[in-house]
C-alpha atoms as a PDB file:
ATOM      1  CA  MET A   1     -46.362  51.020  70.812  1.00  0.00           C
ATOM      2  CA  ALA A   2     -49.253  48.852  69.621  1.00  0.00           C
ATOM      3  CA  ALA A   3     -49.684  51.071  66.550  1.00  0.00           C
ATOM      4  CA  VAL A   4     -46.108  50.310  65.455  1.00  0.00           C
ATOM      5  CA  ASP A   5     -46.714  46.566  65.788  1.00  0.00           C
ATOM      6  CA  VAL A   6     -49.932  46.793  63.820  1.00  0.00           C
ATOM      7  CA  LEU A   7     -48.065  48.594  61.036  1.00  0.00           C
ATOM      8  CA  LEU A   8     -45.443  45.831  60.987  1.00  0.00           C
ATOM      9  CA  LEU A   9     -48.142  43.184  60.682  1.00  0.00           C
ATOM     10  CA  LEU A  10     -49.915  45.136  57.955  1.00  0.00           C
ATOM     11  CA  GLU A  11     -46.624  45.346  56.037  1.00  0.00           C
ATOM     12  CA  GLU A  12     -46.222  41.562  56.331  1.00  0.00           C
ATOM     13  CA  MET A  13     -49.805  41.116  55.133  1.00  0.00           C
ATOM     14  CA  GLU A  14     -49.124  43.356  52.142  1.00  0.00           C
ATOM     15  CA  GLU A  15     -46.020  41.325  51.283  1.00  0.00           C
ATOM     16  CA  SER A  16     -48.050  38.107  51.547  1.00  0.00           C
ATOM     17  CA  ILE A  17     -50.665  39.478  49.131  1.00  0.00           C
ATOM     18  CA  GLU A  18     -47.898  40.511  46.735  1.00  0.00           C
ATOM     19  CA  ARG A  19     -46.399  36.995  46.873  1.00  0.00           C
ATOM     20  CA  MET A  20     -49.783  35.456  46.083  1.00  0.00           C
ATOM     21  CA  ALA A  21     -50.302  37.905  43.222  1.00  0.00           C
ATOM     22  CA  SER A  22     -46.851  37.142  41.805  1.00  0.00           C
ATOM     23  CA  LEU A  23     -47.718  33.426  41.731  1.00  0.00           C
ATOM     24  CA  GLU A  24     -50.703  34.253  39.544  1.00  0.00           C
ATOM     25  CA  ALA A  25     -48.646  36.593  37.329  1.00  0.00           C
ATOM     26  CA  GLU A  26     -46.151  33.819  36.619  1.00  0.00           C
ATOM     27  CA  GLY A  27     -48.948  31.855  34.975  1.00  0.00           C
ATOM     28  CA  GLY A  28     -48.602  28.597  36.905  1.00  0.00           C
ATOM     29  CA  VAL A  29     -50.260  28.944  40.260  1.00  0.00           C
ATOM     30  CA  ASP A  30     -49.305  26.303  42.801  1.00  0.00           C
ATOM     31  CA  TYR A  31     -52.604  25.963  44.645  1.00  0.00           C
ATOM     32  CA  GLY A  32     -50.966  24.500  47.737  1.00  0.00           C
ATOM     33  CA  GLU A  33     -48.547  27.409  47.916  1.00  0.00           C
ATOM     34  CA  VAL A  34     -51.368  29.924  47.504  1.00  0.00           C
ATOM     35  CA  LEU A  35     -53.324  28.237  50.298  1.00  0.00           C
ATOM     36  CA  LEU A  36     -50.272  28.357  52.589  1.00  0.00           C
ATOM     37  CA  GLU A  37     -49.806  32.080  51.921  1.00  0.00           C
ATOM     38  CA  ALA A  38     -53.508  32.688  52.539  1.00  0.00           C
ATOM     39  CA  GLU A  39     -53.441  30.827  55.863  1.00  0.00           C
ATOM     40  CA  ILE A  40     -50.402  32.833  57.030  1.00  0.00           C
ATOM     41  CA  LEU A  41     -52.179  36.004  55.981  1.00  0.00           C
ATOM     42  CA  LEU A  42     -55.369  35.011  57.799  1.00  0.00           C
ATOM     43  CA  GLN A  43     -53.422  34.361  61.009  1.00  0.00           C
ATOM     44  CA  ASP A  44     -51.947  37.870  60.817  1.00  0.00           C
ATOM     45  CA  VAL A  45     -55.410  39.279  60.168  1.00  0.00           C
ATOM     46  CA  LEU A  46     -56.743  37.548  63.283  1.00  0.00           C
ATOM     47  CA  ILE A  47     -54.010  39.161  65.391  1.00  0.00           C
ATOM     48  CA  VAL A  48     -54.690  42.599  63.941  1.00  0.00           C
ATOM     49  CA  SER A  49     -58.473  42.176  64.217  1.00  0.00           C
ATOM     50  CA  ASP A  50     -58.153  41.800  67.993  1.00  0.00           C
ATOM     51  CA  LEU A  51     -57.016  45.450  68.065  1.00  0.00           C
ATOM     52  CA  LEU A  52     -59.961  46.627  65.956  1.00  0.00           C
ATOM     53  CA  THR A  53     -63.692  46.812  66.475  1.00  0.00           C
ATOM     54  CA  ILE A  54     -65.617  43.612  65.810  1.00  0.00           C
ATOM     55  CA  GLU A  55     -67.033  45.045  62.590  1.00  0.00           C
ATOM     56  CA  ASP A  56     -63.674  46.301  61.281  1.00  0.00           C
ATOM     57  CA  GLY A  57     -61.916  43.034  62.173  1.00  0.00           C
ATOM     58  CA  GLU A  58     -64.461  40.905  60.318  1.00  0.00           C
ATOM     59  CA  THR A  59     -64.411  43.318  57.354  1.00  0.00           C
ATOM     60  CA  LEU A  60     -60.623  42.964  57.138  1.00  0.00           C
ATOM     61  CA  LEU A  61     -60.826  39.170  57.262  1.00  0.00           C
ATOM     62  CA  MET A  62     -63.491  39.115  54.554  1.00  0.00           C
ATOM     63  CA  ALA A  63     -61.292  41.324  52.373  1.00  0.00           C
ATOM     64  CA  VAL A  64     -58.409  38.852  52.680  1.00  0.00           C
ATOM     65  CA  VAL A  65     -60.722  35.968  51.800  1.00  0.00           C
ATOM     66  CA  GLU A  66     -61.749  37.950  48.709  1.00  0.00           C
ATOM     67  CA  VAL A  67     -58.101  38.187  47.650  1.00  0.00           C
ATOM     68  CA  TYR A  68     -57.675  34.448  48.175  1.00  0.00           C
ATOM     69  CA  ASN A  69     -60.785  33.675  46.128  1.00  0.00           C
ATOM     70  CA  TRP A  70     -59.678  35.926  43.267  1.00  0.00           C
ATOM     71  CA  ILE A  71     -56.301  34.209  42.984  1.00  0.00           C
ATOM     72  CA  GLU A  72     -57.917  30.776  43.172  1.00  0.00           C
ATOM     73  CA  TYR A  73     -60.291  31.816  40.378  1.00  0.00           C
ATOM     74  CA  GLN A  74     -57.360  33.012  38.273  1.00  0.00           C
ATOM     75  CA  SER A  75     -55.656  29.642  38.715  1.00  0.00           C
ATOM     76  CA  ARG A  76     -58.686  27.879  37.228  1.00  0.00           C
ATOM     77  CA  ARG A  77     -59.685  30.510  34.647  1.00  0.00           C
ATOM     78  CA  SER A  78     -58.123  28.709  31.705  1.00  0.00           C
ATOM     79  CA  ILE A  79     -59.988  25.453  32.388  1.00  0.00           C
ATOM     80  CA  VAL A  80     -62.908  25.080  29.956  1.00  0.00           C
ATOM     81  CA  ARG A  81     -65.746  22.823  31.058  1.00  0.00           C
ATOM     82  CA  ARG A  82     -68.911  21.760  29.282  1.00  0.00           C
ATOM     83  CA  GLY A  83     -72.267  22.398  30.881  1.00  0.00           C
ATOM     84  CA  ARG A  84     -72.734  24.171  34.175  1.00  0.00           C
ATOM     85  CA  PRO A  85     -69.417  24.365  36.079  1.00  0.00           C
ATOM     86  CA  GLN A  86     -69.365  22.960  39.597  1.00  0.00           C
ATOM     87  CA  ILE A  87     -68.649  25.536  42.275  1.00  0.00           C
ATOM     88  CA  HIS A  88     -65.300  24.652  43.816  1.00  0.00           C
ATOM     89  CA  ILE A  89     -64.854  25.225  47.534  1.00  0.00           C
ATOM     90  CA  ASP A  90     -61.594  23.929  48.947  1.00  0.00           C
ATOM     91  CA  GLU A  91     -61.922  21.630  51.944  1.00  0.00           C
ATOM     92  CA  ASN A  92     -58.989  23.222  53.797  1.00  0.00           C
ATOM     93  CA  GLN A  93     -60.343  26.722  53.218  1.00  0.00           C
ATOM     94  CA  LEU A  94     -63.808  25.732  54.448  1.00  0.00           C
ATOM     95  CA  SER A  95     -62.393  23.950  57.491  1.00  0.00           C
ATOM     96  CA  LEU A  96     -60.255  27.005  58.303  1.00  0.00           C
ATOM     97  CA  LEU A  97     -63.221  29.384  58.148  1.00  0.00           C
ATOM     98  CA  LEU A  98     -65.332  27.060  60.288  1.00  0.00           C
ATOM     99  CA  SER A  99     -62.539  26.895  62.863  1.00  0.00           C
ATOM    100  CA  PHE A 100     -62.736  30.699  63.070  1.00  0.00           C
ATOM    101  CA  ARG A 101     -66.386  30.244  64.170  1.00  0.00           C
ATOM    102  CA  PHE A 102     -67.941  31.741  61.016  1.00  0.00           C
ATOM    103  CA  SER A 103     -71.499  30.632  60.306  1.00  0.00           C
ATOM    104  CA  CYS A 104     -72.662  29.068  57.030  1.00  0.00           C
ATOM    105  CA  VAL A 105     -74.283  32.366  56.065  1.00  0.00           C
ATOM    106  CA  ASP A 106     -71.063  34.309  56.807  1.00  0.00           C
ATOM    107  CA  ILE A 107     -68.967  31.897  54.726  1.00  0.00           C
ATOM    108  CA  ALA A 108     -71.529  31.917  51.908  1.00  0.00           C
ATOM    109  CA  ASN A 109     -71.331  35.725  51.765  1.00  0.00           C
ATOM    110  CA  MET A 110     -67.526  35.612  51.678  1.00  0.00           C
ATOM    111  CA  LEU A 111     -67.376  33.016  48.907  1.00  0.00           C
ATOM    112  CA  LYS A 112     -70.296  34.469  46.941  1.00  0.00           C
ATOM    113  CA  VAL A 113     -72.310  31.236  47.011  1.00  0.00           C
ATOM    114  CA  SER A 114     -75.553  30.187  48.655  1.00  0.00           C
ATOM    115  CA  PRO A 115     -75.674  28.916  52.254  1.00  0.00           C
ATOM    116  CA  LYS A 116     -77.153  25.689  50.834  1.00  0.00           C
ATOM    117  CA  THR A 117     -73.947  25.165  48.817  1.00  0.00           C
ATOM    118  CA  ILE A 118     -71.854  25.639  51.949  1.00  0.00           C
ATOM    119  CA  ARG A 119     -73.978  23.122  53.868  1.00  0.00           C
ATOM    120  CA  ARG A 120     -73.621  20.576  51.048  1.00  0.00           C
ATOM    121  CA  ARG A 121     -69.842  20.947  51.086  1.00  0.00           C
ATOM    122  CA  ILE A 122     -69.782  20.604  54.868  1.00  0.00           C
ATOM    123  CA  ILE A 123     -71.560  17.270  54.537  1.00  0.00           C
ATOM    124  CA  GLN A 124     -69.389  16.258  51.561  1.00  0.00           C
ATOM    125  CA  TYR A 125     -66.176  16.947  53.519  1.00  0.00           C
ATOM    126  CA  SER A 126     -67.590  15.504  56.798  1.00  0.00           C
ATOM    127  CA  LEU A 127     -67.143  18.803  58.631  1.00  0.00           C
ATOM    128  CA  GLU A 128     -70.469  18.649  60.477  1.00  0.00           C
ATOM    129  CA  ASP A 129     -68.823  18.714  63.916  1.00  0.00           C
ATOM    130  CA  SER A 130     -66.989  21.945  63.055  1.00  0.00           C
ATOM    131  CA  ALA A 131     -70.140  23.572  61.670  1.00  0.00           C
ATOM    132  CA  SER A 132     -72.586  22.762  64.477  1.00  0.00           C
ATOM    133  CA  TYR A 133     -72.938  25.476  67.110  1.00  0.00           C
ATOM    134  CA  SER A 134     -74.427  25.100  70.544  1.00  0.00           C
ATOM    135  CA  SER A 135     -77.883  26.531  71.165  1.00  0.00           C
ATOM    136  CA  ILE A 136     -77.466  28.905  74.073  1.00  0.00           C
ATOM    137  CA  SER A 137     -79.133  32.225  74.829  1.00  0.00           C
ATOM    138  CA  ASP A 138     -77.213  35.463  75.340  1.00  0.00           C
ATOM    139  CA  THR A 139     -78.324  35.511  78.975  1.00  0.00           C
ATOM    140  CA  GLU A 140     -76.882  32.033  79.586  1.00  0.00           C
ATOM    141  CA  LEU A 141     -73.698  32.944  77.747  1.00  0.00           C
ATOM    142  CA  HIS A 142     -73.275  36.100  79.812  1.00  0.00           C
ATOM    143  CA  GLU A 143     -73.678  34.088  83.033  1.00  0.00           C
ATOM    144  CA  ILE A 144     -70.977  31.633  81.912  1.00  0.00           C
ATOM    145  CA  THR A 145     -68.766  34.546  80.838  1.00  0.00           C
ATOM    146  CA  ALA A 146     -69.124  36.166  84.261  1.00  0.00           C
ATOM    147  CA  GLU A 147     -68.098  32.866  85.908  1.00  0.00           C
ATOM    148  CA  PHE A 148     -65.066  32.658  83.619  1.00  0.00           C
ATOM    149  CA  VAL A 149     -63.971  36.244  84.304  1.00  0.00           C
ATOM    150  CA  HIS A 150     -64.315  35.667  88.054  1.00  0.00           C
ATOM    151  CA  THR A 151     -62.305  32.413  87.911  1.00  0.00           C
ATOM    152  CA  TYR A 152     -59.731  33.549  85.325  1.00  0.00           C
ATOM    153  CA  PRO A 153     -59.468  37.353  85.617  1.00  0.00           C
ATOM    154  CA  ASN A 154     -56.457  37.443  83.249  1.00  0.00           C
ATOM    155  CA  GLY A 155     -57.869  34.968  80.746  1.00  0.00           C
ATOM    156  CA  GLY A 156     -58.353  36.188  77.174  1.00  0.00           C
ATOM    157  CA  GLN A 157     -60.540  35.087  74.313  1.00  0.00           C
ATOM    158  CA  ARG A 158     -58.470  32.007  73.435  1.00  0.00           C
ATOM    159  CA  THR A 159     -58.617  30.812  77.056  1.00  0.00           C
ATOM    160  CA  PHE A 160     -62.349  31.473  77.132  1.00  0.00           C
ATOM    161  CA  GLU A 161     -62.838  29.410  73.953  1.00  0.00           C
ATOM    162  CA  GLY A 162     -61.070  26.496  75.656  1.00  0.00           C
ATOM    163  CA  TYR A 163     -63.204  27.051  78.762  1.00  0.00           C
ATOM    164  CA  LEU A 164     -66.352  26.815  76.653  1.00  0.00           C
ATOM    165  CA  ARG A 165     -65.127  23.698  74.840  1.00  0.00           C
ATOM    166  CA  GLY A 166     -64.518  22.113  78.241  1.00  0.00           C
ATOM    167  CA  ARG A 167     -68.227  22.627  78.876  1.00  0.00           C
ATOM    168  CA  ALA A 168     -69.083  21.065  75.491  1.00  0.00           C
ATOM    169  CA  LEU A 169     -70.059  24.443  74.042  1.00  0.00           C
ATOM    170  CA  ASN A 170     -69.150  25.383  70.485  1.00  0.00           C
ATOM    171  CA  LEU A 171     -69.945  29.037  69.754  1.00  0.00           C
ATOM    172  CA  GLN A 172     -69.215  31.519  66.991  1.00  0.00           C
ATOM    173  CA  ARG A 173     -66.126  33.635  67.560  1.00  0.00           C
ATOM    174  CA  ARG A 174     -68.236  36.772  67.181  1.00  0.00           C
ATOM    175  CA  ARG A 175     -70.526  35.767  70.069  1.00  0.00           C
ATOM    176  CA  ILE A 176     -67.562  34.953  72.281  1.00  0.00           C
ATOM    177  CA  ARG A 177     -65.951  38.333  71.653  1.00  0.00           C
ATOM    178  CA  GLU A 178     -69.210  40.196  72.199  1.00  0.00           C
ATOM    179  CA  ALA A 179     -69.840  38.349  75.472  1.00  0.00           C
ATOM    180  CA  LEU A 180     -66.391  39.251  76.815  1.00  0.00           C
ATOM    181  CA  LEU A 181     -66.853  42.871  75.751  1.00  0.00           C
ATOM    182  CA  HIS A 182     -70.236  42.961  77.476  1.00  0.00           C
ATOM    183  CA  ILE A 183     -69.110  41.401  80.770  1.00  0.00           C
ATOM    184  CA  ASP A 184     -65.495  42.597  81.052  1.00  0.00           C
ATOM    185  CA  PRO A 185     -64.904  45.622  78.750  1.00  0.00           C
ATOM    186  CA  SER A 186     -62.045  47.036  80.838  1.00  0.00           C
ATOM    187  CA  GLY A 187     -60.258  43.675  80.924  1.00  0.00           C
ATOM    188  CA  VAL A 188     -60.589  43.295  77.147  1.00  0.00           C
ATOM    189  CA  ARG A 189     -59.092  46.757  76.567  1.00  0.00           C
ATOM    190  CA  GLN A 190     -56.267  45.990  78.994  1.00  0.00           C
ATOM    191  CA  ARG A 191     -55.402  42.735  77.224  1.00  0.00           C
ATOM    192  CA  LEU A 192     -55.539  44.350  73.796  1.00  0.00           C
ATOM    193  CA  ARG A 193     -52.996  46.960  74.865  1.00  0.00           C
ATOM    194  CA  ARG A 194     -50.488  44.231  75.665  1.00  0.00           C
ATOM    195  CA  ALA A 195     -51.554  41.809  72.912  1.00  0.00           C
ATOM    196  CA  LEU A 196     -48.619  42.635  70.659  1.00  0.00           C
ATOM    197  CA  HIS A 197     -45.020  43.351  71.576  1.00  0.00           C
ATOM    198  CA  ARG A 198     -42.669  45.213  69.293  1.00  0.00           C
ATOM    199  CA  ARG A 199     -40.500  42.818  67.335  1.00  0.00           C
ATOM    200  CA  GLN A 200     -36.748  43.038  67.780  1.00  0.00           C
ATOM    201  CA  TYR A 201     -34.465  42.813  64.765  1.00  0.00           C
ATOM    202  CA  TYR A 202     -30.729  42.155  65.074  1.00  0.00           C
ATOM    203  CA  VAL A 203     -28.440  43.016  62.164  1.00  0.00           C
ATOM    204  CA  PRO A 204     -24.640  43.067  61.940  1.00  0.00           C
ATOM    205  CA  MET A 205     -24.541  46.636  60.606  1.00  0.00           C
ATOM    206  CA  PRO A 206     -26.898  49.460  59.557  1.00  0.00           C
ATOM    207  CA  ASN A 207     -28.899  48.907  56.338  1.00  0.00           C
ATOM    208  CA  SER A 208     -27.907  45.227  56.150  1.00  0.00           C
ATOM    209  CA  LEU A 209     -31.492  43.942  56.063  1.00  0.00           C
END
């Protein structure tokens, strides 16, 4: 059942990529519209990535960011500037990636820039609070994770993120997922199996979609 839902999401993601590409093909890219499509696509990727391994999920997300960057580049390709062009990193895009708990190095690799450039933009856009991660060892994190699993046996990753924020802890999404997998692997697998439910479509007659 989950495989069918993943296929539906992948089809929606493909349609979103096609819509973004068509905006570029028309010659007048509306940057706001492209960003909206990219954010919708990233949300779908996050849902699908929960059903994949950590490595495959992050690889898929990075691939979508690559598509977004290519279309953004195409929208600015005709602009001729004198001297060394400034590297453009959109504030909304950077804020979105930081909210997904990606580190400066991760974001720099995605956007093909240096980590120093990412840090400068974080300061420029006043995103320091989103970029700062708590210093906590894996042992301490595992102890907190065990407490969470004992207190909230049916709680998933999103609930755990809120639990950590309540303790003034801001951690990368990757570390949170790995901690849950380490402490409660059977619970993670159980939640993933019921993460997506098949979508129901109602039509007045066959082939009317």
